[in-house]
Amino acid sequence: MDRLVRVVWDDAWADHGWSDETEAGPVTCMSVGFVVQETTKGILLAQSVSQSGFGSMWFVPSDMIVSVYHLKLGETA
């Protein structure tokens, strides 16, 4: 698992309680993770990777993705 990426994606906007807000739109988010799978439907990322599997996975649908930046894995500290 050597593909580390930063995904910029649009998420839904929500409010709670009373509001007089009449305009809303998507909220731009950024996530960093290891690519588990990438298809035309979207990208599946994992926060952690081990020999026995993946930890804390999440999926971002293609229609929500703004951009994907491939990050260089550095040397150990």
Protein backbone atom coordinates (compact mmCIF):
# COMPACT_ATOMS: atom_id res chain seq x y z
CA MET A 1 0.00 0.00 0.00
CA ASP A 2 2.15 2.83 -1.25
CA ARG A 3 -0.34 5.29 -2.71
CA LEU A 4 -0.91 8.13 -0.27
CA VAL A 5 -3.25 10.84 -1.56
CA ARG A 6 -5.00 14.04 -0.54
CA VAL A 7 -8.56 14.14 -1.86
CA VAL A 8 -10.39 17.47 -2.16
CA TRP A 9 -14.14 16.84 -2.24
CA ASP A 10 -17.47 18.59 -1.84
CA ASP A 11 -19.66 17.48 1.06
CA ALA A 12 -23.26 18.29 1.91
CA TRP A 13 -23.99 21.36 4.06
CA ALA A 14 -26.26 21.15 7.09
CA ASP A 15 -27.51 23.43 9.83
CA HIS A 16 -29.22 22.70 13.11
CA GLY A 17 -31.81 24.60 15.09
CA TRP A 18 -33.59 27.73 13.92
CA SER A 19 -32.07 29.72 11.09
CA ASP A 20 -32.91 32.43 8.60
CA GLU A 21 -30.19 31.19 6.23
CA THR A 22 -31.61 30.98 2.71
CA GLU A 23 -28.48 30.15 0.72
CA ALA A 24 -26.47 26.99 1.06
CA GLY A 25 -24.04 24.99 -0.96
CA PRO A 26 -21.47 22.26 -0.71
CA VAL A 27 -18.62 22.48 1.78
CA THR A 28 -15.16 21.76 0.37
CA CYS A 29 -13.27 19.17 2.45
CA MET A 30 -9.83 17.59 2.32
CA SER A 31 -8.96 14.04 3.36
CA VAL A 32 -5.60 12.24 3.37
CA GLY A 33 -5.32 8.46 3.21
CA PHE A 34 -3.95 5.35 1.58
CA VAL A 35 -5.76 4.28 -1.61
CA VAL A 36 -7.43 0.90 -1.09
CA GLN A 37 -9.41 0.98 -4.33
CA GLU A 38 -10.13 3.53 -7.05
CA THR A 39 -12.88 2.98 -9.62
CA THR A 40 -15.16 5.06 -11.81
CA LYS A 41 -17.59 5.12 -8.84
CA GLY A 42 -15.10 6.76 -6.48
CA ILE A 43 -12.13 6.26 -4.22
CA LEU A 44 -11.83 4.10 -1.10
CA LEU A 45 -9.26 5.36 1.40
CA ALA A 46 -7.84 3.93 4.63
CA GLN A 47 -6.37 5.90 7.50
CA SER A 48 -4.19 2.97 8.56
CA VAL A 49 -2.75 -0.12 6.86
CA SER A 50 -1.33 -3.28 8.41
CA GLN A 51 -0.48 -6.82 7.30
CA SER A 52 -3.91 -7.96 8.49
CA GLY A 53 -6.05 -5.28 6.85
CA PHE A 54 -7.15 -1.66 6.79
CA GLY A 55 -8.26 0.71 9.54
CA SER A 56 -10.80 3.54 9.44
CA MET A 57 -11.87 3.35 5.80
CA TRP A 58 -14.10 5.83 3.99
CA PHE A 59 -15.44 6.16 0.45
CA VAL A 60 -15.77 9.37 -1.57
CA PRO A 61 -18.05 9.11 -4.64
CA SER A 62 -16.61 10.34 -7.96
CA ASP A 63 -19.25 13.04 -8.36
CA MET A 64 -18.09 14.64 -5.09
CA ILE A 65 -14.35 14.63 -5.91
CA VAL A 66 -12.82 17.97 -6.91
CA SER A 67 -9.21 16.75 -7.19
CA VAL A 68 -6.80 14.02 -6.09
CA TYR A 69 -3.17 14.84 -5.27
CA HIS A 70 -0.65 12.02 -5.02
CA LEU A 71 1.67 12.55 -2.04
CA LYS A 72 5.25 11.36 -1.95
CA LEU A 73 6.11 8.90 0.81
CA GLY A 74 9.20 10.14 2.60
CA GLU A 75 12.03 8.46 4.44
CA THR A 76 11.67 7.42 8.06
CA ALA A 77 12.44 10.05 10.68
